[in-house]
Amino acid sequence: MATDRQADNGAADAVRPLGLTLPAVASVLLFACLAGLWRCAAIMPLRVPLNYNEGWNAYHAAAAMAGLGPYPPAGSFMIDNYPPVSFYLVGWLGLGLHDFIIAGRVVSLASFVVICGAIVAVAGRLGCNGLQAGFSALLFAGFLLLFTGYVGMDDPQLLGQAMQVLGLVLLLSDAKPAWREPGGAALLVAGLFVKHNLIALPVALLIWLALIERGRAFRLAGLMLLFGVGGLVAFRFAFGFDLLSVLNSARVYSLAHCIATFGVWLQLATVMLGATLLANVGGGRGARFCLIYAVVSLAVGAFACAGLGVTLNAMFDATIAIALGSAVALSQFSAPTRAATVIRAALPLVLVAPLALGVRQLSDARTFAPDFWLRPLQAETRTASDDIAYLRAHDGPAMCAMMSLCYWAGKPAAVDVFNVGAQYQSGARSPAPMVAQLRQCGFAVLQLDRSLSFQPPVSTAILQSYRLDRSTADGQFLVPKGG
């Protein structure tokens, strides 16, 4: 008997160090995420373009705050195919900061932090302990910081996600105040009025509730329908036309683009997706919710990825789902057996491996230079400053593919290059008015990408009437040939 006890104690001593794997991995990941978050915060006040969306959002927020409304009149070369909430929320902050792009970046960064905190809360409600819940949030944070440029970028995606995940926290709460379900439903619908592609979480939640609490599923569906219809009616009264007609903007879809974007995400997220499937081997409501959420998100994201201009932001819901599923998988190996301990020790290493490989592939010598972290994007900021000054020096309207440059140069909103180009490409709009304006040199200066941003006949009109005057990392700058 003494020998048996000694053997058991020896086995326990042998596996005990394995229990330190999750805390160690989580600590390293936390440090890396904090470093990435610091860099995003350092970039936030810089006048350097991060994405085409930034200037586009800023112009619409400025129009909303000017009392013009964020929706341009029919026939305008400016297009708004988003719901209105983000333009007003960012706009109010932008009035105080005197820069709508910086305001959008602040909202984006704050929304990212809120999402990470909400993931911790949701994971806890799905049966995970504090360490496991925190690890799930770090997986999500690491994925976004490393593989996307959306953290701290002026774009409403993260704001909408934050509202919806906060709604999920409220609906999963053990407390049952009378306002829990109306509040949760309101937040889910509010997310849709920020970004209309955020349908995965509401649908997944309704499916999950229908399997375990059918009555509650019907109540939640009714509340969301009530808030949704109320929002559409309020929009109709406020703006004089239907929101759905605004959202139905022409877009070019491509199977090749879908396969490429979805394939990149799947390659990066396969391990977390596998852990979500593993969690369902043990069963449980939490594991089932994560699987339903992941399946619905994958379907919605795969469809959205077909649209040109769509990036990995279409897969953010799926990333949240599998990060939660990974934490639930970890929680299911809590038995004090040798096998469970080994799996519990190995799983965090496997889950973090794609992030570690991503760091290795994406980093170069500049990554380890102090300026990369302490003074990021200095060369890009100098280039942007010169380009902004160049645009400002040309009196008259300007067309910018990178609209933030025109915004910072004080140019009025003129052309939504991406969406107008999509309308021309899909045949939803005639290019004749644009061609006529270009032939008359209606723009004092053009800032376009190296493909001239348009297809014929618009690109032909550009080449006939404009000449290249400047070329930088931000693109090509063209002025009228007669100038």
Protein backbone atom coordinates (compact mmCIF):
# COMPACT_ATOMS: atom_id res chain seq x y z
CA MET A 1 0.00 0.00 0.00
CA ALA A 2 2.82 2.38 0.86
CA THR A 3 4.44 1.56 -2.48
CA ASP A 4 1.19 2.35 -4.32
CA ARG A 5 0.85 5.68 -2.54
CA GLN A 6 4.45 6.53 -3.35
CA ALA A 7 3.80 5.70 -7.03
CA ASP A 8 0.68 7.90 -7.08
CA ASN A 9 2.59 10.73 -5.44
CA GLY A 10 5.41 10.31 -7.94
CA ALA A 11 2.97 10.46 -10.86
CA ALA A 12 1.34 13.56 -9.42
CA ASP A 13 4.74 15.22 -8.97
CA ALA A 14 5.61 14.36 -12.57
CA VAL A 15 2.52 16.05 -14.09
CA ARG A 16 2.25 18.95 -11.65
CA PRO A 17 4.63 21.20 -13.65
CA LEU A 18 2.37 20.72 -16.67
CA GLY A 19 -0.32 22.68 -14.86
CA LEU A 20 1.83 25.79 -15.27
CA THR A 21 1.58 25.73 -19.08
CA LEU A 22 -1.62 27.78 -19.38
CA PRO A 23 -0.48 30.52 -16.97
CA ALA A 24 2.89 30.72 -18.73
CA VAL A 25 1.42 30.86 -22.24
CA ALA A 26 -1.24 33.36 -21.16
CA SER A 27 1.41 35.59 -19.58
CA VAL A 28 3.51 35.68 -22.75
CA LEU A 29 0.42 36.31 -24.87
CA LEU A 30 -0.73 39.07 -22.53
CA PHE A 31 2.63 40.84 -22.82
CA ALA A 32 2.54 40.56 -26.63
CA CYS A 33 -1.04 41.87 -26.82
CA LEU A 34 -0.25 44.79 -24.52
CA ALA A 35 2.70 45.67 -26.75
CA GLY A 36 0.46 45.56 -29.83
CA LEU A 37 -2.16 47.64 -28.06
CA TRP A 38 0.47 50.19 -27.08
CA ARG A 39 1.57 50.52 -30.72
CA CYS A 40 -2.03 51.01 -31.86
CA ALA A 41 -2.45 53.74 -29.24
CA ALA A 42 0.80 55.39 -30.38
CA ILE A 43 -0.38 55.41 -34.00
CA MET A 44 -3.83 56.77 -33.13
CA PRO A 45 -3.01 60.53 -33.17
CA LEU A 46 -0.85 60.37 -36.30
CA ARG A 47 -2.06 61.92 -39.52
CA VAL A 48 -1.18 58.90 -41.60
CA PRO A 49 -3.68 56.87 -43.66
CA LEU A 50 -4.36 53.41 -42.25
CA ASN A 51 -7.14 52.39 -44.61
CA TYR A 52 -9.44 53.81 -47.28
CA ASN A 53 -12.36 53.53 -44.83
CA GLU A 54 -10.98 56.17 -42.50
CA GLY A 55 -11.52 59.21 -44.69
CA TRP A 56 -14.83 57.82 -45.92
CA ASN A 57 -16.16 57.48 -42.37
CA ALA A 58 -14.79 60.88 -41.39
CA TYR A 59 -16.53 62.69 -44.24
CA HIS A 60 -19.88 61.10 -43.36
CA ALA A 61 -19.44 61.84 -39.65
CA ALA A 62 -18.60 65.46 -40.51
CA ALA A 63 -21.73 65.71 -42.68
CA ALA A 64 -23.84 64.30 -39.85
CA MET A 65 -22.48 66.86 -37.40
CA ALA A 66 -22.97 69.68 -39.90
CA GLY A 67 -26.68 68.90 -39.95
CA LEU A 68 -26.57 67.72 -43.55
CA GLY A 69 -27.05 64.07 -42.64
CA PRO A 70 -24.54 61.36 -43.55
CA TYR A 71 -26.42 60.38 -46.73
CA PRO A 72 -25.51 62.36 -49.87
CA PRO A 73 -28.23 63.30 -52.38
CA ALA A 74 -29.05 61.13 -55.38
CA GLY A 75 -26.57 61.53 -58.20
CA SER A 76 -23.71 62.48 -55.89
CA PHE A 77 -20.32 60.89 -56.39
CA MET A 78 -20.28 60.32 -52.62
CA ILE A 79 -22.07 57.18 -51.41
CA ASP A 80 -23.09 56.02 -47.94
CA ASN A 81 -24.21 52.40 -47.70
CA TYR A 82 -23.86 52.02 -43.91
CA PRO A 83 -26.40 52.46 -41.10
CA PRO A 84 -26.19 55.84 -39.33
CA VAL A 85 -25.35 55.16 -35.67
CA SER A 86 -21.56 55.18 -35.90
CA PHE A 87 -21.47 58.50 -37.79
CA TYR A 88 -23.26 60.26 -34.93
CA LEU A 89 -21.38 58.55 -32.09
CA VAL A 90 -18.01 59.22 -33.70
CA GLY A 91 -19.17 62.64 -34.85
CA TRP A 92 -20.02 63.84 -31.34
CA LEU A 93 -16.57 62.81 -30.13
CA GLY A 94 -14.97 64.30 -33.23
CA LEU A 95 -16.42 67.70 -32.46
CA GLY A 96 -14.45 67.71 -29.22
CA LEU A 97 -11.26 66.33 -30.75
CA HIS A 98 -11.54 68.49 -33.88
CA ASP A 99 -10.69 65.47 -36.03
CA PHE A 100 -13.25 62.85 -37.02
CA ILE A 101 -10.61 60.31 -38.05
CA ILE A 102 -8.85 60.45 -34.68
CA ALA A 103 -12.26 60.22 -32.98
CA GLY A 104 -13.06 57.10 -34.98
CA ARG A 105 -9.74 55.56 -33.98
CA VAL A 106 -10.43 56.26 -30.30
CA VAL A 107 -13.85 54.61 -30.58
CA SER A 108 -12.35 51.63 -32.40
CA LEU A 109 -9.62 51.08 -29.81
CA ALA A 110 -12.07 51.43 -26.92
CA SER A 111 -14.48 49.02 -28.63
CA PHE A 112 -11.70 46.46 -29.00
CA VAL A 113 -10.96 46.62 -25.27
CA VAL A 114 -14.68 46.29 -24.49
CA ILE A 115 -14.95 43.22 -26.73
CA CYS A 116 -12.02 41.55 -24.97
CA GLY A 117 -13.57 42.23 -21.56
CA ALA A 118 -16.94 40.95 -22.77
CA ILE A 119 -15.34 37.74 -24.07
CA VAL A 120 -13.94 37.14 -20.57
CA ALA A 121 -17.41 37.65 -19.09
CA VAL A 122 -19.12 35.39 -21.66
CA ALA A 123 -16.54 32.63 -21.21
CA GLY A 124 -17.11 32.77 -17.47
CA ARG A 125 -20.85 32.35 -18.02
CA LEU A 126 -20.12 29.34 -20.24
CA GLY A 127 -18.34 27.53 -17.41
CA CYS A 128 -14.71 28.64 -17.76
CA ASN A 129 -12.56 29.75 -14.85
CA GLY A 130 -10.90 33.15 -14.83
CA LEU A 131 -7.64 32.01 -16.42
CA GLN A 132 -9.37 30.11 -19.20
CA ALA A 133 -11.72 33.03 -19.87
CA GLY A 134 -8.82 35.48 -20.00
CA PHE A 135 -6.93 33.18 -22.37
CA SER A 136 -9.88 33.15 -24.78
CA ALA A 137 -9.88 36.97 -24.88
CA LEU A 138 -6.12 36.96 -25.48
CA LEU A 139 -6.52 34.54 -28.41
CA PHE A 140 -9.04 36.90 -30.00
CA ALA A 141 -6.91 39.97 -29.25
CA GLY A 142 -3.75 38.38 -30.59
CA PHE A 143 -5.52 37.32 -33.79
CA LEU A 144 -6.86 40.82 -34.51
CA LEU A 145 -3.69 42.66 -33.55
CA LEU A 146 -1.45 40.41 -35.60
CA PHE A 147 -3.48 39.58 -38.70
CA THR A 148 -5.80 42.56 -39.22
CA GLY A 149 -5.43 46.32 -39.19
CA TYR A 150 -8.79 47.05 -37.58
CA VAL A 151 -7.69 47.71 -34.01
CA GLY A 152 -7.54 51.47 -33.62
CA MET A 153 -8.68 52.13 -37.19
CA ASP A 154 -11.58 54.49 -37.95
CA ASP A 155 -14.13 51.86 -38.95
CA PRO A 156 -17.44 50.94 -37.25
CA GLN A 157 -16.92 47.17 -37.30
CA LEU A 158 -15.52 46.86 -33.78
CA LEU A 159 -18.07 49.32 -32.36
CA GLY A 160 -20.92 47.16 -33.66
CA GLN A 161 -19.25 43.98 -32.40
CA ALA A 162 -18.78 45.53 -28.96
CA MET A 163 -22.46 46.43 -28.68
CA GLN A 164 -23.54 42.93 -29.62
CA VAL A 165 -21.12 41.08 -27.35
CA LEU A 166 -22.19 43.33 -24.46
CA GLY A 167 -25.77 42.32 -25.29
CA LEU A 168 -24.69 38.68 -25.09
CA VAL A 169 -23.11 39.28 -21.66
CA LEU A 170 -26.37 40.77 -20.44
CA LEU A 171 -28.51 37.95 -21.82
CA LEU A 172 -26.27 35.26 -20.30
CA SER A 173 -26.21 36.96 -16.90
CA ASP A 174 -27.35 34.92 -13.90
CA ALA A 175 -29.15 37.97 -12.54
CA LYS A 176 -32.65 38.35 -13.94
CA PRO A 177 -33.72 41.99 -13.75
CA ALA A 178 -36.78 42.92 -15.79
CA TRP A 179 -34.65 44.90 -18.24
CA ARG A 180 -32.17 42.08 -18.97
CA GLU A 181 -33.86 40.77 -22.10
CA PRO A 182 -34.98 44.16 -23.49
CA GLY A 183 -31.51 45.56 -22.82
CA GLY A 184 -29.75 42.62 -24.45
CA ALA A 185 -32.09 42.70 -27.46
CA ALA A 186 -31.57 46.47 -27.82
CA LEU A 187 -27.79 46.05 -27.88
CA LEU A 188 -27.95 43.26 -30.46
CA VAL A 189 -30.12 45.42 -32.72
CA ALA A 190 -28.01 48.52 -32.07
CA GLY A 191 -25.01 46.62 -33.43
CA LEU A 192 -26.94 46.09 -36.67
CA PHE A 193 -27.62 49.82 -36.92
CA VAL A 194 -23.85 50.35 -36.68
CA LYS A 195 -22.82 47.67 -39.20
CA HIS A 196 -25.51 45.78 -41.08
CA ASN A 197 -23.47 42.62 -41.64
CA LEU A 198 -23.54 41.73 -37.92
CA ILE A 199 -26.30 39.13 -38.12
CA ALA A 200 -24.37 36.05 -36.98
CA LEU A 201 -24.58 36.51 -33.21
CA PRO A 202 -28.33 37.31 -33.05
CA VAL A 203 -29.14 34.34 -35.29
CA ALA A 204 -26.85 31.94 -33.41
CA LEU A 205 -28.22 33.05 -30.05
CA LEU A 206 -31.82 32.51 -31.17
CA ILE A 207 -31.01 29.02 -32.49
CA TRP A 208 -29.25 28.08 -29.25
CA LEU A 209 -32.07 29.39 -27.08
CA ALA A 210 -34.64 27.59 -29.23
CA LEU A 211 -32.92 24.31 -28.35
CA ILE A 212 -32.85 24.89 -24.59
CA GLU A 213 -35.42 27.60 -23.73
CA ARG A 214 -37.90 27.92 -26.57
CA GLY A 215 -40.13 30.43 -24.79
CA ARG A 216 -37.18 32.74 -24.14
CA ALA A 217 -36.08 32.42 -27.76
CA PHE A 218 -39.50 33.62 -28.94
CA ARG A 219 -39.44 36.54 -26.49
CA LEU A 220 -35.98 37.60 -27.60
CA ALA A 221 -36.92 37.31 -31.28
CA GLY A 222 -40.00 39.42 -30.66
CA LEU A 223 -38.01 42.09 -28.85
CA MET A 224 -35.36 42.24 -31.58
CA LEU A 225 -38.06 42.47 -34.24
CA LEU A 226 -39.74 45.27 -32.30
CA PHE A 227 -36.50 47.24 -31.89
CA GLY A 228 -35.47 46.57 -35.50
CA VAL A 229 -38.75 47.75 -36.99
CA GLY A 230 -38.74 50.71 -34.61
CA GLY A 231 -35.27 51.67 -35.79
CA LEU A 232 -36.28 51.44 -39.45
CA VAL A 233 -39.36 53.59 -38.83
CA ALA A 234 -37.29 56.15 -36.91
CA PHE A 235 -34.78 56.23 -39.78
CA ARG A 236 -37.62 56.80 -42.26
CA PHE A 237 -38.94 59.75 -40.28
CA ALA A 238 -35.47 61.21 -39.67
CA PHE A 239 -34.10 60.98 -43.22
CA GLY A 240 -37.17 60.68 -45.44
CA PHE A 241 -36.24 57.42 -47.16
CA ASP A 242 -35.79 53.75 -46.26
CA LEU A 243 -32.57 52.47 -44.72
CA LEU A 244 -32.80 49.20 -46.65
CA SER A 245 -32.59 51.12 -49.93
CA VAL A 246 -29.36 52.70 -48.68
CA LEU A 247 -27.82 49.39 -47.67
CA ASN A 248 -28.60 47.83 -51.05
CA SER A 249 -25.64 49.46 -52.76
CA ALA A 250 -24.03 47.86 -55.77
CA ARG A 251 -21.03 45.70 -54.97
CA VAL A 252 -18.89 43.43 -57.10
CA TYR A 253 -18.72 39.82 -55.90
CA SER A 254 -16.00 37.35 -56.74
CA LEU A 255 -15.72 33.67 -55.90
CA ALA A 256 -11.94 33.93 -56.16
CA HIS A 257 -11.91 36.75 -53.60
CA CYS A 258 -14.14 34.70 -51.30
CA ILE A 259 -11.87 31.68 -51.51
CA ALA A 260 -8.76 33.77 -50.95
CA THR A 261 -10.07 35.75 -47.94
CA PHE A 262 -11.90 32.85 -46.33
CA GLY A 263 -8.94 30.58 -46.99
CA VAL A 264 -6.53 32.94 -45.23
CA TRP A 265 -8.78 33.07 -42.16
CA LEU A 266 -9.29 29.30 -42.13
CA GLN A 267 -5.57 28.69 -42.35
CA LEU A 268 -4.98 30.95 -39.35
CA ALA A 269 -7.96 29.76 -37.28
CA THR A 270 -8.02 26.00 -37.93
CA VAL A 271 -6.59 25.14 -34.50
CA MET A 272 -9.16 27.20 -32.59
CA LEU A 273 -11.93 25.81 -34.80
CA GLY A 274 -10.71 22.30 -34.00
CA ALA A 275 -10.75 23.08 -30.29
CA THR A 276 -14.36 24.28 -30.61
CA LEU A 277 -15.29 20.97 -32.19
CA LEU A 278 -13.35 19.13 -29.46
CA ALA A 279 -15.33 20.95 -26.78
CA ASN A 280 -18.54 19.49 -28.17
CA VAL A 281 -17.26 15.96 -27.61
CA GLY A 282 -17.82 16.57 -23.91
CA GLY A 283 -21.21 18.18 -24.57
CA GLY A 284 -22.69 20.95 -22.48
CA ARG A 285 -24.67 24.08 -23.24
CA GLY A 286 -21.60 26.28 -23.48
CA ALA A 287 -19.89 24.07 -26.02
CA ARG A 288 -23.07 23.83 -28.08
CA PHE A 289 -23.48 27.61 -28.14
CA CYS A 290 -19.90 28.09 -29.35
CA LEU A 291 -20.38 25.53 -32.11
CA ILE A 292 -23.67 27.07 -33.29
CA TYR A 293 -22.13 30.55 -33.18
CA ALA A 294 -19.11 29.32 -35.14
CA VAL A 295 -21.19 27.55 -37.82
CA VAL A 296 -23.50 30.53 -38.37
CA SER A 297 -20.55 32.94 -38.40
CA LEU A 298 -18.69 30.83 -40.92
CA ALA A 299 -21.69 30.80 -43.26
CA VAL A 300 -22.30 34.55 -42.95
CA GLY A 301 -18.60 35.34 -43.20
CA ALA A 302 -18.04 33.14 -46.25
CA PHE A 303 -20.82 34.95 -48.09
CA ALA A 304 -19.54 38.38 -47.07
CA CYS A 305 -15.99 37.50 -48.12
CA ALA A 306 -17.14 37.30 -51.73
CA GLY A 307 -17.56 41.09 -51.87
CA LEU A 308 -14.57 42.96 -53.23
CA GLY A 309 -13.13 45.23 -50.56
CA VAL A 310 -14.15 42.88 -47.75
CA THR A 311 -11.29 41.60 -45.61
CA LEU A 312 -10.94 39.48 -42.47
CA ASN A 313 -13.38 41.75 -40.64
CA ALA A 314 -16.11 39.57 -42.13
CA MET A 315 -14.77 36.77 -39.93
CA PHE A 316 -14.65 38.62 -36.60
CA ASP A 317 -17.78 36.89 -35.31
CA ALA A 318 -16.31 33.52 -36.19
CA THR A 319 -13.07 34.48 -34.43
CA ILE A 320 -14.98 35.38 -31.26
CA ALA A 321 -16.90 32.09 -31.46
CA ILE A 322 -13.84 29.87 -31.76
CA ALA A 323 -11.91 31.82 -29.13
CA LEU A 324 -14.78 31.10 -26.74
CA GLY A 325 -14.91 27.49 -27.94
CA SER A 326 -11.20 27.09 -27.21
CA ALA A 327 -11.73 28.25 -23.62
CA VAL A 328 -14.66 25.87 -23.19
CA ALA A 329 -12.47 23.04 -24.51
CA LEU A 330 -9.82 23.88 -21.92
CA SER A 331 -12.42 23.86 -19.15
CA GLN A 332 -13.46 20.31 -19.97
CA PHE A 333 -10.08 18.84 -19.04
CA SER A 334 -10.23 19.74 -15.36
CA ALA A 335 -10.10 16.20 -13.97
CA PRO A 336 -6.99 15.49 -11.83
CA THR A 337 -5.92 12.59 -14.07
CA ARG A 338 -2.63 12.30 -15.88
CA ALA A 339 -4.30 12.23 -19.32
CA ALA A 340 -6.44 15.31 -18.61
CA THR A 341 -3.43 17.16 -17.23
CA VAL A 342 -1.32 16.40 -20.29
CA ILE A 343 -4.09 17.56 -22.65
CA ARG A 344 -4.70 20.64 -20.54
CA ALA A 345 -1.00 21.45 -20.77
CA ALA A 346 -0.61 20.77 -24.50
CA LEU A 347 -3.77 22.53 -25.71
CA PRO A 348 -2.67 26.12 -24.90
CA LEU A 349 0.59 25.54 -26.77
CA VAL A 350 -1.29 24.21 -29.79
CA LEU A 351 -3.79 27.08 -29.70
CA VAL A 352 -1.13 29.76 -29.58
CA ALA A 353 1.06 28.15 -32.26
CA PRO A 354 -0.57 30.00 -35.25
CA LEU A 355 0.02 33.32 -33.49
CA ALA A 356 3.65 32.42 -32.81
CA LEU A 357 4.14 31.41 -36.45
CA GLY A 358 2.46 34.62 -37.55
CA VAL A 359 4.86 36.70 -35.48
CA ARG A 360 7.78 34.89 -37.05
CA GLN A 361 6.49 35.33 -40.61
CA LEU A 362 5.35 38.95 -40.31
CA SER A 363 8.26 40.34 -38.31
CA ASP A 364 11.49 41.61 -39.80
CA ALA A 365 14.49 43.59 -38.61
CA ARG A 366 12.36 46.74 -38.17
CA THR A 367 10.09 44.94 -35.70
CA PHE A 368 12.92 44.76 -33.18
CA ALA A 369 13.96 48.38 -33.55
CA PRO A 370 12.92 50.70 -30.68
CA ASP A 371 11.30 53.17 -33.10
CA PHE A 372 8.86 50.49 -34.27
CA TRP A 373 7.27 50.60 -30.81
CA LEU A 374 8.19 54.05 -29.46
CA ARG A 375 7.82 56.16 -32.64
CA PRO A 376 5.85 54.07 -35.14
CA LEU A 377 5.20 55.01 -38.78
CA GLN A 378 7.50 58.01 -38.75
CA ALA A 379 8.49 57.70 -42.42
CA GLU A 380 4.86 57.12 -43.42
CA THR A 381 3.78 60.17 -41.40
CA ARG A 382 6.35 62.39 -43.14
CA THR A 383 5.20 61.15 -46.53
CA ALA A 384 1.56 61.73 -45.64
CA SER A 385 2.35 65.22 -44.33
CA ASP A 386 4.01 66.14 -47.63
CA ASP A 387 1.12 64.66 -49.62
CA ILE A 388 -1.45 66.54 -47.54
CA ALA A 389 0.45 69.80 -48.08
CA TYR A 390 0.62 69.06 -51.81
CA LEU A 391 -3.15 68.52 -52.02
CA ARG A 392 -3.83 71.65 -49.94
CA ALA A 393 -1.68 73.74 -52.28
CA HIS A 394 -3.95 72.92 -55.24
CA ASP A 395 -7.00 75.15 -55.06
CA GLY A 396 -10.25 73.52 -56.03
CA PRO A 397 -11.89 70.11 -55.57
CA ALA A 398 -9.79 66.97 -55.35
CA MET A 399 -10.50 63.30 -55.88
CA CYS A 400 -8.69 60.97 -53.47
CA ALA A 401 -8.68 57.20 -53.51
CA MET A 402 -7.20 57.48 -49.99
CA MET A 403 -9.86 59.87 -48.73
CA SER A 404 -8.13 60.65 -45.42
CA LEU A 405 -5.49 62.61 -47.36
CA CYS A 406 -8.18 64.84 -48.89
CA TYR A 407 -9.91 65.11 -45.52
CA TRP A 408 -6.77 66.32 -43.74
CA ALA A 409 -6.01 68.65 -46.65
CA GLY A 410 -9.33 70.38 -45.99
CA LYS A 411 -10.86 69.31 -49.29
CA PRO A 412 -14.64 68.89 -49.44
CA ALA A 413 -16.02 65.40 -49.98
CA ALA A 414 -15.98 64.81 -53.73
CA VAL A 415 -15.83 61.19 -54.89
CA ASP A 416 -16.22 57.84 -53.14
CA VAL A 417 -13.73 56.17 -55.46
CA PHE A 418 -14.28 52.61 -54.25
CA ASN A 419 -18.09 52.54 -54.25
CA VAL A 420 -18.51 54.61 -57.41
CA GLY A 421 -16.03 52.31 -59.12
CA ALA A 422 -18.05 49.28 -57.95
CA GLN A 423 -21.22 50.83 -59.37
CA TYR A 424 -19.52 51.37 -62.73
CA GLN A 425 -18.10 47.85 -62.71
CA SER A 426 -21.45 46.25 -61.86
CA GLY A 427 -23.34 48.32 -64.43
CA ALA A 428 -25.54 49.96 -61.77
CA ARG A 429 -24.43 53.45 -62.79
CA SER A 430 -23.38 55.17 -66.00
CA PRO A 431 -19.81 56.51 -66.01
CA ALA A 432 -20.73 59.26 -68.50
CA PRO A 433 -21.07 62.10 -65.91
CA MET A 434 -17.71 61.25 -64.39
CA VAL A 435 -16.06 61.01 -67.80
CA ALA A 436 -17.48 64.41 -68.74
CA GLN A 437 -16.21 66.02 -65.53
CA LEU A 438 -12.74 64.53 -66.01
CA ARG A 439 -12.54 65.73 -69.61
CA GLN A 440 -13.41 69.22 -68.39
CA CYS A 441 -10.69 68.92 -65.72
CA GLY A 442 -13.30 69.36 -63.01
CA PHE A 443 -10.83 68.29 -60.32
CA ALA A 444 -7.77 70.33 -59.49
CA VAL A 445 -5.84 67.23 -58.47
CA LEU A 446 -6.36 63.47 -58.37
CA GLN A 447 -4.81 61.05 -55.86
CA LEU A 448 -5.21 57.52 -57.16
CA ASP A 449 -3.55 54.13 -56.84
CA ARG A 450 -1.18 52.91 -59.49
CA SER A 451 -3.97 51.30 -61.50
CA LEU A 452 -5.69 54.72 -61.60
CA SER A 453 -8.45 53.18 -59.40
CA PHE A 454 -10.93 52.98 -62.29
CA GLN A 455 -11.52 50.89 -65.39
CA PRO A 456 -12.21 52.29 -68.89
CA PRO A 457 -13.79 54.60 -69.93
CA VAL A 458 -13.05 56.50 -66.71
CA SER A 459 -9.36 55.58 -66.66
CA THR A 460 -9.14 56.55 -70.33
CA ALA A 461 -10.58 59.99 -69.56
CA ILE A 462 -8.04 60.40 -66.76
CA LEU A 463 -5.12 59.62 -69.07
CA GLN A 464 -6.47 61.96 -71.74
CA SER A 465 -6.95 64.96 -69.44
CA TYR A 466 -4.44 64.56 -66.59
CA ARG A 467 -0.72 64.03 -66.26
CA LEU A 468 1.32 62.47 -63.49
CA ASP A 469 2.84 65.16 -61.29
CA ARG A 470 3.85 63.30 -58.14
CA SER A 471 4.28 59.70 -57.00
CA THR A 472 4.76 58.54 -53.40
CA ALA A 473 4.02 55.55 -51.24
CA ASP A 474 0.48 56.90 -50.93
CA GLY A 475 -0.15 56.62 -54.67
CA GLN A 476 -0.04 58.77 -57.81
CA PHE A 477 -0.99 62.44 -57.95
CA LEU A 478 -2.23 63.82 -61.25
CA VAL A 479 -3.00 67.37 -62.37
CA PRO A 480 -4.72 68.70 -65.50
CA LYS A 481 -2.53 68.63 -68.60
CA GLY A 482 -3.31 72.23 -69.32
CA GLY A 483 -2.26 73.32 -65.82
